[in-house]
Amino acid sequence: MCCIVALMALIGPRVAFVFTWLFTDQVDLAFDGDFWVPLLGLVLLPWTALMYALCYSPTEGISGFGIFLVAFGVLADFASYAGGRFSRR
């Protein structure tokens, strides 16, 4: 399943997040079954929400290399917003 998510992430983080949400229970585990927080993540910070859902472990939460990946997701989201703003100039 991880390979399919990685291939979908090449298309776009929102597509990968939706496929992860629909076909696995990882998003429900990561966000405690809440609906609104992953939906906001899907709309506003898709890379961060995807990395958080993929790196979350029910026993430990986010730890180790997962913290780095979530931070990378935050940077990727901000870079995509900044790049869009830069290209409009």
N, C-alpha and C. Protein backbone atom coordinates (compact mmCIF):
# COMPACT_ATOMS: atom_id res chain seq x y z
N MET A 1 0.82 -1.19 0.00
CA MET A 1 0.00 0.00 0.00
C MET A 1 0.86 1.25 0.00
N CYS A 2 2.01 1.17 0.64
CA CYS A 2 2.88 2.34 0.73
C CYS A 2 3.39 2.76 -0.64
N CYS A 3 3.64 1.80 -1.53
CA CYS A 3 4.11 2.13 -2.88
C CYS A 3 3.04 2.86 -3.68
N ILE A 4 1.79 2.47 -3.49
CA ILE A 4 0.70 3.14 -4.19
C ILE A 4 0.56 4.57 -3.70
N VAL A 5 0.69 4.79 -2.40
CA VAL A 5 0.61 6.14 -1.84
C VAL A 5 1.77 6.98 -2.37
N ALA A 6 2.97 6.41 -2.46
CA ALA A 6 4.11 7.14 -2.99
C ALA A 6 3.90 7.53 -4.44
N LEU A 7 3.33 6.66 -5.24
CA LEU A 7 3.05 6.99 -6.64
C LEU A 7 1.98 8.07 -6.75
N MET A 8 0.97 8.01 -5.89
CA MET A 8 -0.07 9.04 -5.90
C MET A 8 0.49 10.38 -5.44
N ALA A 9 1.46 10.37 -4.55
CA ALA A 9 2.05 11.62 -4.08
C ALA A 9 2.80 12.33 -5.20
N LEU A 10 3.29 11.56 -6.18
CA LEU A 10 3.92 12.19 -7.34
C LEU A 10 2.90 12.96 -8.17
N ILE A 11 1.67 12.50 -8.19
CA ILE A 11 0.61 13.20 -8.91
C ILE A 11 0.19 14.43 -8.12
N GLY A 12 0.06 14.27 -6.84
CA GLY A 12 -0.32 15.38 -5.99
C GLY A 12 -0.63 14.89 -4.60
N PRO A 13 -0.34 15.70 -3.60
CA PRO A 13 -0.57 15.25 -2.23
C PRO A 13 -2.04 15.07 -1.90
N ARG A 14 -2.90 15.85 -2.52
CA ARG A 14 -4.33 15.72 -2.22
C ARG A 14 -4.88 14.40 -2.72
N VAL A 15 -4.44 13.98 -3.90
CA VAL A 15 -4.87 12.68 -4.44
C VAL A 15 -4.38 11.55 -3.55
N ALA A 16 -3.11 11.62 -3.14
CA ALA A 16 -2.56 10.58 -2.26
C ALA A 16 -3.28 10.55 -0.92
N PHE A 17 -3.60 11.73 -0.38
CA PHE A 17 -4.29 11.78 0.90
C PHE A 17 -5.70 11.20 0.79
N VAL A 18 -6.40 11.53 -0.28
CA VAL A 18 -7.76 10.99 -0.47
C VAL A 18 -7.72 9.48 -0.62
N PHE A 19 -6.76 8.95 -1.41
CA PHE A 19 -6.65 7.51 -1.56
C PHE A 19 -6.29 6.84 -0.24
N THR A 20 -5.42 7.47 0.54
CA THR A 20 -5.07 6.92 1.85
C THR A 20 -6.27 6.93 2.78
N TRP A 21 -7.04 8.00 2.72
CA TRP A 21 -8.23 8.13 3.57
C TRP A 21 -9.30 7.11 3.20
N LEU A 22 -9.49 6.88 1.89
CA LEU A 22 -10.54 5.98 1.44
C LEU A 22 -10.19 4.51 1.60
N PHE A 23 -8.94 4.15 1.34
CA PHE A 23 -8.60 2.73 1.26
C PHE A 23 -7.82 2.18 2.45
N THR A 24 -7.45 3.02 3.41
CA THR A 24 -6.79 2.52 4.62
C THR A 24 -7.47 3.15 5.84
N ASP A 25 -7.11 2.68 7.00
CA ASP A 25 -7.62 3.29 8.23
C ASP A 25 -6.58 4.17 8.89
N GLN A 26 -5.48 4.45 8.20
CA GLN A 26 -4.38 5.22 8.77
C GLN A 26 -4.79 6.66 9.10
N VAL A 27 -5.61 7.29 8.28
CA VAL A 27 -6.04 8.67 8.55
C VAL A 27 -6.96 8.70 9.77
N ASP A 28 -7.85 7.73 9.88
CA ASP A 28 -8.73 7.67 11.06
C ASP A 28 -7.94 7.42 12.34
N LEU A 29 -6.91 6.59 12.26
CA LEU A 29 -6.06 6.35 13.43
C LEU A 29 -5.28 7.60 13.81
N ALA A 30 -4.72 8.27 12.81
CA ALA A 30 -3.87 9.43 13.08
C ALA A 30 -4.66 10.61 13.64
N PHE A 31 -5.86 10.79 13.17
CA PHE A 31 -6.66 11.95 13.59
C PHE A 31 -7.80 11.55 14.53
N ASP A 32 -7.69 10.41 15.17
CA ASP A 32 -8.65 9.92 16.18
C ASP A 32 -10.09 9.87 15.67
N GLY A 33 -10.27 9.50 14.42
CA GLY A 33 -11.61 9.36 13.87
C GLY A 33 -12.33 10.66 13.61
N ASP A 34 -11.65 11.78 13.80
CA ASP A 34 -12.25 13.09 13.54
C ASP A 34 -12.39 13.29 12.03
N PHE A 35 -13.37 14.06 11.62
CA PHE A 35 -13.60 14.32 10.19
C PHE A 35 -13.07 15.68 9.77
N TRP A 36 -13.21 16.67 10.61
CA TRP A 36 -12.91 18.05 10.20
C TRP A 36 -11.42 18.36 10.13
N VAL A 37 -10.64 17.81 11.02
CA VAL A 37 -9.20 18.11 11.02
C VAL A 37 -8.53 17.55 9.76
N PRO A 38 -8.77 16.29 9.37
CA PRO A 38 -8.17 15.84 8.11
C PRO A 38 -8.73 16.57 6.89
N LEU A 39 -9.99 16.98 6.95
CA LEU A 39 -10.56 17.73 5.84
C LEU A 39 -9.87 19.09 5.70
N LEU A 40 -9.63 19.76 6.82
CA LEU A 40 -8.88 21.03 6.78
C LEU A 40 -7.45 20.80 6.30
N GLY A 41 -6.85 19.71 6.74
CA GLY A 41 -5.51 19.37 6.27
C GLY A 41 -5.49 19.11 4.77
N LEU A 42 -6.52 18.47 4.27
CA LEU A 42 -6.63 18.20 2.84
C LEU A 42 -6.72 19.49 2.04
N VAL A 43 -7.46 20.45 2.55
CA VAL A 43 -7.67 21.71 1.83
C VAL A 43 -6.49 22.67 2.01
N LEU A 44 -6.00 22.83 3.24
CA LEU A 44 -5.02 23.88 3.52
C LEU A 44 -3.57 23.40 3.50
N LEU A 45 -3.28 22.27 4.11
CA LEU A 45 -1.90 21.78 4.23
C LEU A 45 -1.83 20.31 3.81
N PRO A 46 -1.95 20.00 2.52
CA PRO A 46 -2.04 18.60 2.11
C PRO A 46 -0.77 17.79 2.36
N TRP A 47 0.41 18.36 2.13
CA TRP A 47 1.65 17.61 2.38
C TRP A 47 1.80 17.29 3.86
N THR A 48 1.50 18.24 4.71
CA THR A 48 1.62 18.04 6.15
C THR A 48 0.64 16.97 6.63
N ALA A 49 -0.59 17.05 6.19
CA ALA A 49 -1.60 16.06 6.60
C ALA A 49 -1.23 14.67 6.10
N LEU A 50 -0.73 14.57 4.88
CA LEU A 50 -0.33 13.27 4.33
C LEU A 50 0.83 12.69 5.12
N MET A 51 1.85 13.49 5.37
CA MET A 51 3.00 12.99 6.13
C MET A 51 2.62 12.62 7.56
N TYR A 52 1.76 13.41 8.18
CA TYR A 52 1.32 13.09 9.54
C TYR A 52 0.57 11.76 9.57
N ALA A 53 -0.33 11.57 8.60
CA ALA A 53 -1.11 10.33 8.57
C ALA A 53 -0.22 9.12 8.29
N LEU A 54 0.78 9.27 7.45
CA LEU A 54 1.63 8.14 7.12
C LEU A 54 2.64 7.82 8.21
N CYS A 55 3.07 8.82 8.96
CA CYS A 55 4.10 8.62 9.99
C CYS A 55 3.52 8.32 11.36
N TYR A 56 2.23 8.42 11.53
CA TYR A 56 1.61 8.22 12.84
C TYR A 56 1.62 6.74 13.22
N SER A 57 1.98 6.48 14.45
CA SER A 57 1.92 5.13 15.01
C SER A 57 0.98 5.18 16.23
N PRO A 58 0.02 4.27 16.32
CA PRO A 58 -0.92 4.32 17.44
C PRO A 58 -0.25 4.18 18.80
N THR A 59 0.88 3.50 18.88
CA THR A 59 1.53 3.30 20.18
C THR A 59 2.47 4.44 20.55
N GLU A 60 3.11 5.06 19.57
CA GLU A 60 4.11 6.09 19.86
C GLU A 60 3.75 7.48 19.36
N GLY A 61 2.79 7.58 18.49
CA GLY A 61 2.49 8.87 17.88
C GLY A 61 3.51 9.17 16.78
N ILE A 62 3.99 10.39 16.74
CA ILE A 62 5.02 10.78 15.78
C ILE A 62 6.35 10.85 16.52
N SER A 63 7.33 10.10 16.06
CA SER A 63 8.63 10.14 16.72
C SER A 63 9.72 9.84 15.71
N GLY A 64 10.94 10.22 16.05
CA GLY A 64 12.10 9.90 15.23
C GLY A 64 12.06 10.55 13.86
N PHE A 65 12.23 9.72 12.84
CA PHE A 65 12.27 10.20 11.47
C PHE A 65 10.93 10.78 11.03
N GLY A 66 9.84 10.36 11.67
CA GLY A 66 8.51 10.88 11.36
C GLY A 66 8.40 12.37 11.62
N ILE A 67 9.07 12.86 12.67
CA ILE A 67 9.07 14.30 12.95
C ILE A 67 9.72 15.05 11.80
N PHE A 68 10.82 14.51 11.28
CA PHE A 68 11.49 15.12 10.14
C PHE A 68 10.57 15.15 8.92
N LEU A 69 9.85 14.06 8.66
CA LEU A 69 8.97 14.01 7.50
C LEU A 69 7.79 14.97 7.62
N VAL A 70 7.24 15.10 8.82
CA VAL A 70 6.14 16.06 9.02
C VAL A 70 6.66 17.48 8.84
N ALA A 71 7.85 17.78 9.35
CA ALA A 71 8.46 19.10 9.15
C ALA A 71 8.72 19.35 7.67
N PHE A 72 9.15 18.32 6.96
CA PHE A 72 9.33 18.45 5.51
C PHE A 72 8.00 18.74 4.82
N GLY A 73 6.92 18.13 5.30
CA GLY A 73 5.60 18.40 4.75
C GLY A 73 5.18 19.84 4.95
N VAL A 74 5.47 20.38 6.14
CA VAL A 74 5.17 21.79 6.41
C VAL A 74 5.95 22.69 5.46
N LEU A 75 7.23 22.40 5.31
CA LEU A 75 8.06 23.19 4.39
C LEU A 75 7.58 23.08 2.94
N ALA A 76 7.16 21.88 2.54
CA ALA A 76 6.65 21.69 1.18
C ALA A 76 5.36 22.48 0.95
N ASP A 77 4.49 22.51 1.95
CA ASP A 77 3.26 23.29 1.82
C ASP A 77 3.56 24.78 1.71
N PHE A 78 4.42 25.29 2.59
CA PHE A 78 4.75 26.71 2.52
C PHE A 78 5.50 27.06 1.24
N ALA A 79 6.33 26.15 0.76
CA ALA A 79 7.05 26.39 -0.49
C ALA A 79 6.09 26.42 -1.68
N SER A 80 5.07 25.57 -1.65
CA SER A 80 4.11 25.58 -2.76
C SER A 80 3.29 26.86 -2.76
N TYR A 81 2.93 27.36 -1.56
CA TYR A 81 2.20 28.63 -1.50
C TYR A 81 3.10 29.78 -1.91
N ALA A 82 4.33 29.79 -1.48
CA ALA A 82 5.25 30.87 -1.84
C ALA A 82 5.60 30.82 -3.33
N GLY A 83 5.75 29.62 -3.87
CA GLY A 83 6.04 29.49 -5.30
C GLY A 83 4.89 29.98 -6.16
N GLY A 84 3.68 29.71 -5.74
CA GLY A 84 2.52 30.21 -6.48
C GLY A 84 2.43 31.72 -6.44
N ARG A 85 2.74 32.29 -5.31
CA ARG A 85 2.72 33.75 -5.17
C ARG A 85 3.84 34.38 -6.01
N PHE A 86 5.01 33.73 -6.04
CA PHE A 86 6.14 34.25 -6.80
C PHE A 86 5.87 34.18 -8.30
N SER A 87 5.21 33.11 -8.77
CA SER A 87 4.95 32.97 -10.20
C SER A 87 3.87 33.92 -10.71
N ARG A 88 3.03 34.44 -9.83
CA ARG A 88 2.00 35.39 -10.25
C ARG A 88 2.56 36.78 -10.48
N ARG A 89 3.76 37.06 -10.00
CA ARG A 89 4.36 38.38 -10.16
C ARG A 89 4.85 38.61 -11.54
